[in-house]
Amino acid sequence: MGDKPIIQRFFELIKLIDNEFYWVTMGGVAVDGYAGGWTRDHQDVDLLIFRKDLERAENALRKLGYPYQEFTHPKDGSLVYKIRTDDPDRTFSFQILDKRGDGEFEVSFYRDLRLVFPMSYIKPVNWLKLEGIRFPAISKDFLIKLKQNEIKNFKKFIPEKRMGKYLNCLRDIKLLDEK
């Protein structure tokens, strides 16, 4: 798995999940889609899915031969907030969305429990393209907000090993602001 370029592994996943359930990309691959080409190497692809589609995403990962694990939130041990492949590259990560009845959704990240955003940040999707592969992504505004939130969390605590990720967030925001 790890010997294939990330775009090829992503394309294999797209073929399995496209039209099977709602999903969108976020993170660095989405940033590069908005930039119109690769701006840096990526080890992984970050996606968002609705909780009701969690089993379908897990089935797709199994079909591709990826072991995966579910992560429960440190502030709420009953909340599965993401699944991530358990391969050496941690190729795919799926953050789990919960739809609210008021035109909003909530999503949790390791340091943030149940952040609420308007549904317009994820629907309708924005179609991006890298190396001829078309994929849906979150809105640029939402992507910027998520990157700003990551930076806010990094400012509280930046371990030396995460400095590269912090610098990537700063660079990503600059790229998105320019487009």
Foldseek 3Di string as FASTA:
>chain_A
DQVDALVVVVVLLCVQCPVVFDKAWAPDVVLQLLLVEDPDGDLATEMEGEPVCVVVSVVSCVVVPFAKDFDAAPVGNVRGQKMFTPDPSSHYIYGYWYDDPPQWIFHADRVGDTDIDGVQQPPPWDWGDYPRDIGTHGDLVVNLVVLVVVLVVVVVPPDPVCVVVNVVSVVSNVSSVVD
